């Protein structure tokens, strides 16, 4: 039996996706979560998950951050992003954060099922045309501009959403001391001394997380 977690804050969209996923194969079990916190609770309850389908616009934590947390805490559970934010930068950022696939919400149910089959088989699914788009010069990310590590990027992503050091530590399964070390290293690399200044730098340079 294939067990899939659907993380989407709109009930009608969740229900529609769950109905679509019933066509994947007999015996598919879909569990729904309306926000990131609930999703993490469901993932923690049992390791018996085959896939997570995640929206990027969630009320408590954006999907990019949720992908980062999952990559740290549940690295063996693949994830597919289904989102209305289907620009090249969002697709690349989602894949870099740990997604194994990206399906625009404008896609058909058949496209979603195709993406899920590919990811469940160990592959990676990207929207049609992304190969050509990928040949364009990508925008500069914070990790490239300031030399941040993957761990520091996960911390920074949550930090910019207003999460406290304790909340970041809980989400990433780290000690609060480790988070403080990462935050200090981030501030040093960005040449700032506070979260507010870090946000100003991000906005001023127009770089993406």
N, C-alpha and C. Protein backbone atom coordinates (compact mmCIF):
# COMPACT_ATOMS: atom_id res chain seq x y z
N UNK A 1 0.84 -1.20 0.00
CA UNK A 1 0.00 0.00 0.00
C UNK A 1 0.87 1.26 0.00
N UNK A 2 0.53 2.20 -0.86
CA UNK A 2 1.26 3.46 -0.94
C UNK A 2 0.62 4.48 -0.01
N UNK A 3 1.42 5.09 0.84
CA UNK A 3 0.92 6.05 1.83
C UNK A 3 1.48 7.43 1.51
N UNK A 4 0.58 8.40 1.26
CA UNK A 4 0.98 9.73 0.81
C UNK A 4 0.41 10.79 1.74
N UNK A 5 1.26 11.74 2.13
CA UNK A 5 0.83 12.87 2.95
C UNK A 5 0.63 14.08 2.05
N UNK A 6 -0.57 14.67 2.10
CA UNK A 6 -0.89 15.86 1.31
C UNK A 6 -0.87 17.08 2.24
N UNK A 7 0.04 18.01 1.97
CA UNK A 7 0.18 19.20 2.81
C UNK A 7 -0.29 20.41 2.02
N UNK A 8 -1.50 20.87 2.31
CA UNK A 8 -2.15 21.94 1.56
C UNK A 8 -3.17 22.61 2.48
N UNK A 9 -3.16 23.95 2.51
CA UNK A 9 -4.04 24.64 3.46
C UNK A 9 -5.47 24.82 2.96
N UNK A 10 -5.72 24.63 1.68
CA UNK A 10 -7.08 24.76 1.16
C UNK A 10 -7.75 23.38 1.10
N UNK A 11 -8.84 23.24 1.83
CA UNK A 11 -9.50 21.94 1.96
C UNK A 11 -9.97 21.38 0.62
N UNK A 12 -10.53 22.23 -0.23
CA UNK A 12 -11.03 21.75 -1.51
C UNK A 12 -9.90 21.21 -2.38
N UNK A 13 -8.75 21.88 -2.35
CA UNK A 13 -7.60 21.42 -3.14
C UNK A 13 -7.08 20.10 -2.58
N UNK A 14 -7.00 20.00 -1.25
CA UNK A 14 -6.56 18.74 -0.61
C UNK A 14 -7.46 17.59 -1.03
N UNK A 15 -8.76 17.82 -0.94
CA UNK A 15 -9.71 16.76 -1.26
C UNK A 15 -9.62 16.37 -2.73
N UNK A 16 -9.44 17.36 -3.61
CA UNK A 16 -9.32 17.07 -5.04
C UNK A 16 -8.06 16.25 -5.33
N UNK A 17 -6.95 16.61 -4.68
CA UNK A 17 -5.72 15.86 -4.88
C UNK A 17 -5.86 14.43 -4.36
N UNK A 18 -6.50 14.29 -3.21
CA UNK A 18 -6.70 12.96 -2.64
C UNK A 18 -7.52 12.08 -3.59
N UNK A 19 -8.54 12.66 -4.21
CA UNK A 19 -9.34 11.90 -5.16
C UNK A 19 -8.53 11.52 -6.39
N UNK A 20 -7.71 12.45 -6.85
CA UNK A 20 -6.85 12.17 -8.01
C UNK A 20 -5.87 11.04 -7.70
N UNK A 21 -5.30 11.07 -6.50
CA UNK A 21 -4.28 10.07 -6.14
C UNK A 21 -4.87 8.67 -5.97
N UNK A 22 -6.18 8.56 -5.84
CA UNK A 22 -6.80 7.24 -5.76
C UNK A 22 -6.63 6.47 -7.07
N UNK A 23 -6.35 7.21 -8.16
CA UNK A 23 -6.17 6.57 -9.47
C UNK A 23 -4.73 6.07 -9.66
N UNK A 24 -3.87 6.35 -8.68
CA UNK A 24 -2.47 5.93 -8.80
C UNK A 24 -2.37 4.41 -8.84
N UNK A 25 -3.01 3.76 -7.90
CA UNK A 25 -3.03 2.30 -7.80
C UNK A 25 -4.03 1.92 -6.72
N UNK A 26 -4.48 0.68 -6.70
CA UNK A 26 -5.42 0.26 -5.66
C UNK A 26 -4.79 0.35 -4.27
N UNK A 27 -5.57 0.80 -3.30
CA UNK A 27 -5.09 0.79 -1.93
C UNK A 27 -4.25 1.98 -1.52
N UNK A 28 -4.27 3.08 -2.30
CA UNK A 28 -3.52 4.27 -1.91
C UNK A 28 -4.17 4.90 -0.68
N UNK A 29 -3.35 5.23 0.31
CA UNK A 29 -3.86 5.92 1.50
C UNK A 29 -3.35 7.35 1.50
N UNK A 30 -4.26 8.31 1.52
CA UNK A 30 -3.90 9.73 1.56
C UNK A 30 -4.24 10.30 2.93
N UNK A 31 -3.26 10.90 3.56
CA UNK A 31 -3.45 11.58 4.85
C UNK A 31 -3.28 13.07 4.59
N UNK A 32 -4.17 13.88 5.13
CA UNK A 32 -4.15 15.32 4.84
C UNK A 32 -3.63 16.13 6.02
N UNK A 33 -2.91 17.21 5.70
CA UNK A 33 -2.43 18.16 6.71
C UNK A 33 -2.62 19.56 6.15
N UNK A 34 -3.16 20.47 6.97
CA UNK A 34 -3.46 21.82 6.50
C UNK A 34 -2.32 22.81 6.73
N UNK A 35 -1.28 22.38 7.44
CA UNK A 35 -0.14 23.27 7.69
C UNK A 35 1.12 22.45 7.95
N UNK A 36 2.25 23.13 8.05
CA UNK A 36 3.54 22.45 8.20
C UNK A 36 3.66 21.76 9.54
N UNK A 37 3.19 22.39 10.61
CA UNK A 37 3.30 21.78 11.93
C UNK A 37 2.56 20.45 11.99
N UNK A 38 1.34 20.42 11.45
CA UNK A 38 0.58 19.17 11.42
C UNK A 38 1.28 18.13 10.56
N UNK A 39 1.85 18.58 9.45
CA UNK A 39 2.56 17.65 8.57
C UNK A 39 3.74 17.00 9.30
N UNK A 40 4.50 17.79 10.04
CA UNK A 40 5.64 17.24 10.77
C UNK A 40 5.19 16.29 11.87
N UNK A 41 4.06 16.59 12.48
CA UNK A 41 3.52 15.67 13.50
C UNK A 41 3.17 14.33 12.87
N UNK A 42 2.51 14.38 11.71
CA UNK A 42 2.13 13.15 11.02
C UNK A 42 3.36 12.35 10.61
N UNK A 43 4.37 13.03 10.11
CA UNK A 43 5.59 12.34 9.68
C UNK A 43 6.32 11.71 10.86
N UNK A 44 6.21 12.35 12.03
CA UNK A 44 6.90 11.85 13.22
C UNK A 44 6.19 10.65 13.84
N UNK A 45 4.89 10.53 13.58
CA UNK A 45 4.11 9.47 14.21
C UNK A 45 4.51 8.09 13.74
N UNK A 46 4.95 7.99 12.49
CA UNK A 46 5.33 6.69 11.93
C UNK A 46 6.30 6.90 10.77
N UNK A 47 7.24 5.99 10.57
CA UNK A 47 8.16 6.13 9.44
C UNK A 47 7.57 5.58 8.14
N UNK A 48 6.36 5.06 8.22
CA UNK A 48 5.74 4.36 7.09
C UNK A 48 5.11 5.33 6.09
N UNK A 49 5.94 6.15 5.45
CA UNK A 49 5.46 7.10 4.44
C UNK A 49 6.20 6.85 3.13
N UNK A 50 5.48 6.93 2.03
CA UNK A 50 6.10 6.75 0.72
C UNK A 50 6.37 8.07 0.02
N UNK A 51 5.58 9.11 0.36
CA UNK A 51 5.71 10.38 -0.36
C UNK A 51 4.97 11.49 0.38
N UNK A 52 5.47 12.72 0.23
CA UNK A 52 4.75 13.90 0.71
C UNK A 52 4.51 14.82 -0.48
N UNK A 53 3.29 15.33 -0.59
CA UNK A 53 2.94 16.29 -1.64
C UNK A 53 2.71 17.64 -0.94
N UNK A 54 3.50 18.64 -1.29
CA UNK A 54 3.57 19.87 -0.49
C UNK A 54 3.26 21.12 -1.32
N UNK A 55 2.40 21.97 -0.77
CA UNK A 55 2.16 23.30 -1.33
C UNK A 55 3.22 24.25 -0.77
N UNK A 56 3.59 25.27 -1.52
CA UNK A 56 4.61 26.21 -1.05
C UNK A 56 4.03 27.29 -0.15
N UNK A 57 2.76 27.64 -0.34
CA UNK A 57 2.15 28.74 0.41
C UNK A 57 1.35 28.17 1.58
N UNK A 58 2.02 27.92 2.69
CA UNK A 58 1.37 27.39 3.88
C UNK A 58 1.27 28.49 4.94
N UNK A 59 0.30 28.41 5.84
CA UNK A 59 0.07 29.51 6.78
C UNK A 59 1.11 29.69 7.88
N UNK A 60 1.78 28.60 8.29
CA UNK A 60 2.70 28.70 9.42
C UNK A 60 4.18 28.66 9.03
N UNK A 61 4.48 28.07 7.91
CA UNK A 61 5.87 27.95 7.44
C UNK A 61 5.79 27.69 5.94
N UNK A 62 6.60 28.40 5.15
CA UNK A 62 6.48 28.15 3.72
C UNK A 62 7.00 26.77 3.34
N UNK A 63 6.58 26.31 2.18
CA UNK A 63 6.94 24.97 1.74
C UNK A 63 8.43 24.76 1.55
N UNK A 64 9.16 25.83 1.19
CA UNK A 64 10.61 25.69 1.04
C UNK A 64 11.24 25.30 2.39
N UNK A 65 10.80 25.97 3.45
CA UNK A 65 11.34 25.66 4.77
C UNK A 65 10.94 24.26 5.21
N UNK A 66 9.69 23.87 4.91
CA UNK A 66 9.25 22.52 5.26
C UNK A 66 10.11 21.48 4.55
N UNK A 67 10.45 21.73 3.30
CA UNK A 67 11.32 20.82 2.57
C UNK A 67 12.68 20.72 3.25
N UNK A 68 13.20 21.85 3.72
CA UNK A 68 14.49 21.85 4.40
C UNK A 68 14.45 21.06 5.69
N UNK A 69 13.36 21.23 6.45
CA UNK A 69 13.20 20.49 7.70
C UNK A 69 13.09 18.99 7.41
N UNK A 70 12.32 18.64 6.39
CA UNK A 70 12.17 17.23 6.03
C UNK A 70 13.50 16.62 5.58
N UNK A 71 14.28 17.40 4.83
CA UNK A 71 15.57 16.90 4.37
C UNK A 71 16.48 16.58 5.54
N UNK A 72 16.34 17.34 6.63
CA UNK A 72 17.16 17.11 7.82
C UNK A 72 16.61 15.98 8.67
N UNK A 73 15.29 15.96 8.89
CA UNK A 73 14.69 15.01 9.83
C UNK A 73 14.16 13.74 9.19
N UNK A 74 13.71 13.84 7.93
CA UNK A 74 13.12 12.68 7.26
C UNK A 74 13.71 12.53 5.86
N UNK A 75 15.02 12.32 5.78
CA UNK A 75 15.69 12.31 4.46
C UNK A 75 15.25 11.19 3.53
N UNK A 76 14.64 10.15 4.07
CA UNK A 76 14.24 9.02 3.23
C UNK A 76 12.84 9.16 2.65
N UNK A 77 12.12 10.24 3.01
CA UNK A 77 10.77 10.44 2.49
C UNK A 77 10.83 11.45 1.35
N UNK A 78 10.58 11.02 0.11
CA UNK A 78 10.61 11.96 -1.02
C UNK A 78 9.44 12.92 -0.98
N UNK A 79 9.60 14.07 -1.61
CA UNK A 79 8.55 15.09 -1.62
C UNK A 79 8.37 15.67 -3.01
N UNK A 80 7.13 15.96 -3.33
CA UNK A 80 6.79 16.64 -4.58
C UNK A 80 6.09 17.95 -4.22
N UNK A 81 6.48 19.02 -4.85
CA UNK A 81 5.83 20.30 -4.65
C UNK A 81 4.73 20.47 -5.69
N UNK A 82 3.54 20.85 -5.25
CA UNK A 82 2.45 21.21 -6.16
C UNK A 82 2.07 22.64 -5.81
N UNK A 83 2.35 23.57 -6.72
CA UNK A 83 2.20 24.98 -6.36
C UNK A 83 1.82 25.85 -7.54
N UNK A 84 1.16 26.97 -7.22
CA UNK A 84 0.85 27.98 -8.23
C UNK A 84 2.10 28.81 -8.54
N UNK A 85 3.09 28.78 -7.64
CA UNK A 85 4.36 29.47 -7.88
C UNK A 85 5.23 28.58 -8.75
N UNK A 86 5.08 28.71 -10.07
CA UNK A 86 5.77 27.78 -10.96
C UNK A 86 6.84 28.46 -11.81
N UNK A 87 7.36 29.60 -11.35
CA UNK A 87 8.44 30.26 -12.07
C UNK A 87 9.73 29.46 -11.90
N UNK A 88 10.68 29.72 -12.76
CA UNK A 88 11.92 28.96 -12.77
C UNK A 88 12.65 29.02 -11.43
N UNK A 89 12.70 30.22 -10.82
CA UNK A 89 13.41 30.37 -9.56
C UNK A 89 12.77 29.52 -8.46
N UNK A 90 11.44 29.48 -8.42
CA UNK A 90 10.74 28.70 -7.39
C UNK A 90 10.98 27.21 -7.59
N UNK A 91 10.94 26.76 -8.85
CA UNK A 91 11.19 25.35 -9.15
C UNK A 91 12.60 24.96 -8.73
N UNK A 92 13.58 25.77 -9.10
CA UNK A 92 14.97 25.47 -8.76
C UNK A 92 15.18 25.49 -7.26
N UNK A 93 14.55 26.45 -6.58
CA UNK A 93 14.72 26.55 -5.13
C UNK A 93 14.11 25.34 -4.44
N UNK A 94 12.94 24.90 -4.91
CA UNK A 94 12.29 23.74 -4.32
C UNK A 94 13.14 22.48 -4.48
N UNK A 95 13.68 22.29 -5.67
CA UNK A 95 14.52 21.13 -5.92
C UNK A 95 15.80 21.18 -5.08
N UNK A 96 16.33 22.39 -4.94
CA UNK A 96 17.55 22.55 -4.14
C UNK A 96 17.27 22.31 -2.66
N UNK A 97 16.04 22.62 -2.22
CA UNK A 97 15.67 22.43 -0.81
C UNK A 97 15.41 20.96 -0.49
N UNK A 98 15.25 20.15 -1.53
CA UNK A 98 15.07 18.72 -1.27
C UNK A 98 13.92 18.05 -1.98
N UNK A 99 13.14 18.81 -2.76
CA UNK A 99 12.02 18.21 -3.48
C UNK A 99 12.55 17.30 -4.59
N UNK A 100 11.81 16.23 -4.85
CA UNK A 100 12.16 15.32 -5.94
C UNK A 100 11.31 15.59 -7.18
N UNK A 101 10.38 16.52 -7.05
CA UNK A 101 9.54 16.85 -8.18
C UNK A 101 8.80 18.15 -7.96
N UNK A 102 8.34 18.75 -9.06
CA UNK A 102 7.60 20.02 -8.98
C UNK A 102 6.50 19.96 -10.03
N UNK A 103 5.25 20.13 -9.58
CA UNK A 103 4.10 20.10 -10.47
C UNK A 103 3.32 21.40 -10.33
N UNK A 104 3.23 22.23 -11.37
CA UNK A 104 2.43 23.45 -11.29
C UNK A 104 0.96 23.11 -11.06
N UNK A 105 0.25 23.95 -10.29
CA UNK A 105 -1.16 23.69 -10.01
C UNK A 105 -2.02 23.77 -11.26
N UNK A 106 -1.50 24.38 -12.31
CA UNK A 106 -2.25 24.45 -13.56
C UNK A 106 -2.19 23.13 -14.33
N UNK A 107 -1.40 22.18 -13.84
CA UNK A 107 -1.24 20.89 -14.52
C UNK A 107 -2.49 20.02 -14.35
N UNK A 108 -2.57 19.00 -15.17
CA UNK A 108 -3.70 18.07 -15.10
C UNK A 108 -3.44 17.00 -14.04
N UNK A 109 -4.50 16.30 -13.69
CA UNK A 109 -4.36 15.19 -12.75
C UNK A 109 -3.44 14.12 -13.30
N UNK A 110 -3.47 13.93 -14.62
CA UNK A 110 -2.60 12.94 -15.25
C UNK A 110 -1.13 13.31 -15.07
N UNK A 111 -0.83 14.61 -15.15
CA UNK A 111 0.55 15.07 -14.95
C UNK A 111 1.00 14.80 -13.51
N UNK A 112 0.10 15.05 -12.56
CA UNK A 112 0.43 14.80 -11.16
C UNK A 112 0.72 13.32 -10.93
N UNK A 113 -0.11 12.45 -11.49
CA UNK A 113 0.10 11.01 -11.32
C UNK A 113 1.40 10.58 -11.99
N UNK A 114 1.70 11.16 -13.14
CA UNK A 114 2.96 10.84 -13.83
C UNK A 114 4.15 11.23 -12.97
N UNK A 115 4.08 12.44 -12.39
CA UNK A 115 5.17 12.92 -11.53
C UNK A 115 5.36 12.01 -10.32
N UNK A 116 4.27 11.61 -9.72
CA UNK A 116 4.35 10.76 -8.52
C UNK A 116 4.95 9.40 -8.86
N UNK A 117 4.55 8.84 -9.98
CA UNK A 117 5.11 7.53 -10.38
C UNK A 117 6.62 7.64 -10.61
N UNK A 118 7.04 8.73 -11.24
CA UNK A 118 8.48 8.92 -11.51
C UNK A 118 9.25 9.04 -10.20
N UNK A 119 8.72 9.84 -9.27
CA UNK A 119 9.41 10.06 -7.99
C UNK A 119 9.41 8.78 -7.15
N UNK A 120 8.31 8.06 -7.13
CA UNK A 120 8.25 6.81 -6.37
C UNK A 120 9.22 5.77 -6.92
N UNK A 121 9.54 5.90 -8.22
CA UNK A 121 10.51 5.00 -8.85
C UNK A 121 11.94 5.49 -8.67
N UNK A 122 12.11 6.59 -7.91
CA UNK A 122 13.46 7.10 -7.64
C UNK A 122 13.92 8.19 -8.57
N UNK A 123 13.03 8.68 -9.44
CA UNK A 123 13.41 9.72 -10.38
C UNK A 123 13.10 11.11 -9.88
N UNK A 124 13.31 12.10 -10.75
CA UNK A 124 13.03 13.50 -10.45
C UNK A 124 12.15 14.05 -11.57
N UNK A 125 11.08 14.76 -11.18
CA UNK A 125 10.15 15.31 -12.17
C UNK A 125 10.18 16.82 -12.13
N UNK A 126 10.34 17.46 -13.30
CA UNK A 126 10.27 18.91 -13.40
C UNK A 126 9.28 19.27 -14.50
N UNK A 127 8.70 20.47 -14.45
CA UNK A 127 7.72 20.87 -15.46
C UNK A 127 8.30 20.88 -16.86
N UNK A 128 7.43 20.67 -17.86
CA UNK A 128 7.86 20.71 -19.25
C UNK A 128 8.47 22.07 -19.56
N UNK A 129 9.58 22.07 -20.28
CA UNK A 129 10.22 23.32 -20.65
C UNK A 129 11.30 23.77 -19.68
N UNK A 130 11.39 23.14 -18.52
CA UNK A 130 12.38 23.57 -17.54
C UNK A 130 13.80 23.37 -18.03
N UNK A 131 14.03 22.38 -18.88
CA UNK A 131 15.39 22.14 -19.39
C UNK A 131 15.87 23.34 -20.18
N UNK A 132 14.97 23.89 -21.03
CA UNK A 132 15.35 25.06 -21.81
C UNK A 132 15.50 26.28 -20.92
N UNK A 133 14.57 26.43 -19.98
CA UNK A 133 14.64 27.57 -19.08
C UNK A 133 15.92 27.52 -18.25
N UNK A 134 16.33 26.33 -17.91
CA UNK A 134 17.51 26.16 -17.06
C UNK A 134 18.79 26.62 -17.73
N UNK A 135 18.74 26.79 -19.07
CA UNK A 135 19.94 27.23 -19.77
C UNK A 135 20.15 28.73 -19.62
N UNK A 136 19.11 29.44 -19.14
CA UNK A 136 19.27 30.87 -18.89
C UNK A 136 20.10 31.07 -17.64
N UNK A 137 20.68 32.21 -17.52
CA UNK A 137 21.51 32.49 -16.36
C UNK A 137 20.64 32.56 -15.10
N UNK A 138 20.88 31.71 -14.11
CA UNK A 138 20.03 31.71 -12.92
C UNK A 138 20.32 32.91 -12.03
N UNK A 139 19.33 33.29 -11.22
CA UNK A 139 19.57 34.36 -10.26
C UNK A 139 20.50 33.86 -9.17
N UNK A 140 21.19 34.78 -8.54
CA UNK A 140 22.18 34.41 -7.53
C UNK A 140 21.49 34.07 -6.22
N UNK A 141 21.86 32.97 -5.62
CA UNK A 141 21.29 32.57 -4.33
C UNK A 141 22.18 33.05 -3.20
N UNK A 142 21.61 33.11 -2.01
CA UNK A 142 22.37 33.57 -0.85
C UNK A 142 23.56 32.67 -0.56
N UNK A 143 23.39 31.36 -0.77
CA UNK A 143 24.51 30.47 -0.47
C UNK A 143 25.71 30.77 -1.37
N UNK A 144 25.44 31.07 -2.66
CA UNK A 144 26.55 31.41 -3.54
C UNK A 144 27.15 32.78 -3.19
N UNK A 145 26.28 33.75 -2.90
CA UNK A 145 26.75 35.12 -2.67
C UNK A 145 27.55 35.24 -1.39
N UNK A 146 27.11 34.54 -0.33
CA UNK A 146 27.76 34.69 0.96
C UNK A 146 28.48 33.43 1.44
N UNK A 147 28.52 32.39 0.61
CA UNK A 147 29.24 31.18 0.97
C UNK A 147 28.60 30.42 2.11
N UNK A 148 27.26 30.38 2.17
CA UNK A 148 26.56 29.69 3.26
C UNK A 148 26.43 28.21 2.95
N UNK A 149 26.51 27.40 3.99
CA UNK A 149 26.36 25.95 3.85
C UNK A 149 24.88 25.59 3.78
N UNK A 150 24.60 24.33 3.43
CA UNK A 150 23.22 23.86 3.37
C UNK A 150 22.55 23.98 4.74
N UNK A 151 23.28 23.64 5.79
CA UNK A 151 22.73 23.73 7.15
C UNK A 151 22.42 25.17 7.51
N UNK A 152 23.31 26.09 7.15
CA UNK A 152 23.09 27.51 7.43
C UNK A 152 21.90 28.04 6.63
N UNK A 153 21.72 27.55 5.42
CA UNK A 153 20.59 27.98 4.61
C UNK A 153 19.26 27.54 5.22
N UNK A 154 19.24 26.32 5.78
CA UNK A 154 18.02 25.85 6.43
C UNK A 154 17.67 26.74 7.63
N UNK A 155 18.70 27.11 8.39
CA UNK A 155 18.50 27.97 9.55
C UNK A 155 18.05 29.36 9.09
N UNK A 156 18.70 29.91 8.08
CA UNK A 156 18.37 31.25 7.60
C UNK A 156 16.94 31.31 7.06
N UNK A 157 16.54 30.27 6.34
CA UNK A 157 15.20 30.24 5.78
C UNK A 157 14.15 30.35 6.89
N UNK A 158 14.35 29.63 7.98
CA UNK A 158 13.42 29.69 9.10
C UNK A 158 13.55 31.00 9.87
N UNK A 159 14.77 31.49 9.97
CA UNK A 159 15.02 32.75 10.67
C UNK A 159 14.28 33.90 10.01
N UNK A 160 14.28 33.93 8.68
CA UNK A 160 13.62 35.03 7.96
C UNK A 160 12.10 34.95 8.07
N UNK A 161 11.58 33.83 8.54
CA UNK A 161 10.13 33.69 8.75
C UNK A 161 9.73 34.00 10.19
N UNK A 162 10.71 34.51 10.96
CA UNK A 162 10.40 34.94 12.32
C UNK A 162 10.48 33.84 13.37
N UNK A 163 11.02 32.68 13.01
CA UNK A 163 11.16 31.60 13.98
C UNK A 163 12.26 31.94 14.99
N UNK A 164 12.03 31.61 16.25
CA UNK A 164 13.06 31.83 17.27
C UNK A 164 14.12 30.75 17.17
N UNK A 165 15.25 30.96 17.86
CA UNK A 165 16.30 29.94 17.86
C UNK A 165 15.77 28.61 18.39
N UNK A 166 14.94 28.67 19.42
CA UNK A 166 14.38 27.44 19.99
C UNK A 166 13.47 26.74 18.99
N UNK A 167 12.64 27.52 18.31
CA UNK A 167 11.74 26.92 17.32
C UNK A 167 12.53 26.30 16.18
N UNK A 168 13.58 27.00 15.74
CA UNK A 168 14.43 26.46 14.67
C UNK A 168 15.09 25.17 15.13
N UNK A 169 15.58 25.16 16.36
CA UNK A 169 16.23 23.96 16.91
C UNK A 169 15.26 22.79 16.94
N UNK A 170 14.03 23.05 17.39
CA UNK A 170 13.03 21.98 17.46
C UNK A 170 12.68 21.45 16.08
N UNK A 171 12.53 22.36 15.13
CA UNK A 171 12.14 21.96 13.78
C UNK A 171 13.23 21.15 13.08
N UNK A 172 14.48 21.53 13.29
CA UNK A 172 15.58 20.87 12.60
C UNK A 172 16.23 19.75 13.41
N UNK A 173 15.74 19.55 14.63
CA UNK A 173 16.31 18.50 15.46
C UNK A 173 17.73 18.81 15.92
N UNK A 174 18.00 20.09 16.16
CA UNK A 174 19.32 20.53 16.60
C UNK A 174 19.24 21.06 18.03
N UNK A 175 20.39 21.24 18.66
CA UNK A 175 20.41 21.91 19.95
C UNK A 175 20.31 23.41 19.70
N UNK A 176 19.81 24.14 20.69
CA UNK A 176 19.69 25.59 20.54
C UNK A 176 21.07 26.22 20.40
N UNK A 177 22.07 25.62 21.05
CA UNK A 177 23.43 26.12 20.93
C UNK A 177 23.95 26.01 19.50
N UNK A 178 23.64 24.89 18.85
CA UNK A 178 24.07 24.71 17.46
C UNK A 178 23.42 25.74 16.55
N UNK A 179 22.15 26.02 16.80
CA UNK A 179 21.45 27.03 16.00
C UNK A 179 22.11 28.39 16.19
N UNK A 180 22.47 28.73 17.43
CA UNK A 180 23.13 30.01 17.71
C UNK A 180 24.45 30.11 16.97
N UNK A 181 25.18 29.00 16.90
CA UNK A 181 26.45 28.99 16.16
C UNK A 181 26.19 29.27 14.68
N UNK A 182 25.15 28.62 14.12
CA UNK A 182 24.81 28.85 12.72
C UNK A 182 24.40 30.30 12.48
N UNK A 183 23.58 30.85 13.38
CA UNK A 183 23.12 32.23 13.22
C UNK A 183 24.31 33.19 13.27
N UNK A 184 25.23 32.96 14.19
CA UNK A 184 26.42 33.82 14.28
C UNK A 184 27.24 33.76 13.00
N UNK A 185 27.38 32.55 12.45
CA UNK A 185 28.15 32.38 11.21
C UNK A 185 27.44 33.07 10.04
N UNK A 186 26.12 32.98 10.02
CA UNK A 186 25.34 33.64 8.96
C UNK A 186 25.52 35.14 9.03
N UNK A 187 25.37 35.71 10.23
CA UNK A 187 25.53 37.16 10.40
C UNK A 187 26.93 37.61 10.00
N UNK A 188 27.92 36.82 10.36
CA UNK A 188 29.31 37.17 10.02
C UNK A 188 29.50 37.17 8.50
N UNK A 189 28.97 36.15 7.85
CA UNK A 189 29.12 36.05 6.40
C UNK A 189 28.40 37.19 5.68
N UNK A 190 27.25 37.60 6.23
CA UNK A 190 26.47 38.66 5.60
C UNK A 190 26.87 40.04 6.09
N UNK A 191 27.79 40.09 7.07
CA UNK A 191 28.27 41.35 7.64
C UNK A 191 27.13 42.15 8.26
N UNK A 192 26.31 41.46 9.06
CA UNK A 192 25.21 42.10 9.79
C UNK A 192 25.28 41.65 11.24
N UNK A 193 24.47 42.30 12.09
CA UNK A 193 24.49 41.94 13.51
C UNK A 193 23.11 41.62 14.06
N UNK A 194 22.09 41.60 13.19
CA UNK A 194 20.74 41.30 13.66
C UNK A 194 19.92 40.69 12.54
N UNK A 195 18.79 40.09 12.93
CA UNK A 195 17.88 39.51 11.94
C UNK A 195 17.32 40.59 11.02
N UNK A 196 16.98 41.73 11.60
CA UNK A 196 16.42 42.83 10.81
C UNK A 196 17.40 43.27 9.73
N UNK A 197 18.67 43.38 10.11
CA UNK A 197 19.69 43.78 9.13
C UNK A 197 19.85 42.72 8.06
N UNK A 198 19.74 41.46 8.44
CA UNK A 198 19.85 40.37 7.46
C UNK A 198 18.73 40.47 6.43
N UNK A 199 17.52 40.78 6.88
CA UNK A 199 16.39 40.92 5.97
C UNK A 199 16.60 42.10 5.02
N UNK A 200 17.19 43.17 5.54
CA UNK A 200 17.48 44.34 4.70
C UNK A 200 18.48 43.97 3.61
N UNK A 201 19.51 43.21 3.98
CA UNK A 201 20.52 42.79 3.01
C UNK A 201 19.89 41.92 1.93
N UNK A 202 19.03 41.00 2.34
CA UNK A 202 18.36 40.12 1.38
C UNK A 202 17.53 40.95 0.40
N UNK A 203 16.77 41.90 0.93
CA UNK A 203 15.93 42.74 0.07
C UNK A 203 16.77 43.65 -0.83
N UNK A 204 17.84 44.20 -0.29
CA UNK A 204 18.68 45.15 -1.04
C UNK A 204 19.37 44.48 -2.22
N UNK A 205 19.85 43.27 -2.01
CA UNK A 205 20.58 42.59 -3.06
C UNK A 205 19.66 41.86 -4.04
N UNK A 206 18.40 41.71 -3.65
CA UNK A 206 17.47 41.04 -4.54
C UNK A 206 17.82 39.59 -4.78
N UNK A 207 18.51 38.98 -3.80
CA UNK A 207 18.87 37.58 -3.96
C UNK A 207 17.79 36.72 -3.39
N UNK A 208 17.74 35.49 -3.87
CA UNK A 208 16.73 34.55 -3.39
C UNK A 208 17.34 33.60 -2.39
N UNK A 209 16.50 33.12 -1.48
CA UNK A 209 16.95 32.10 -0.55
C UNK A 209 17.12 30.78 -1.27
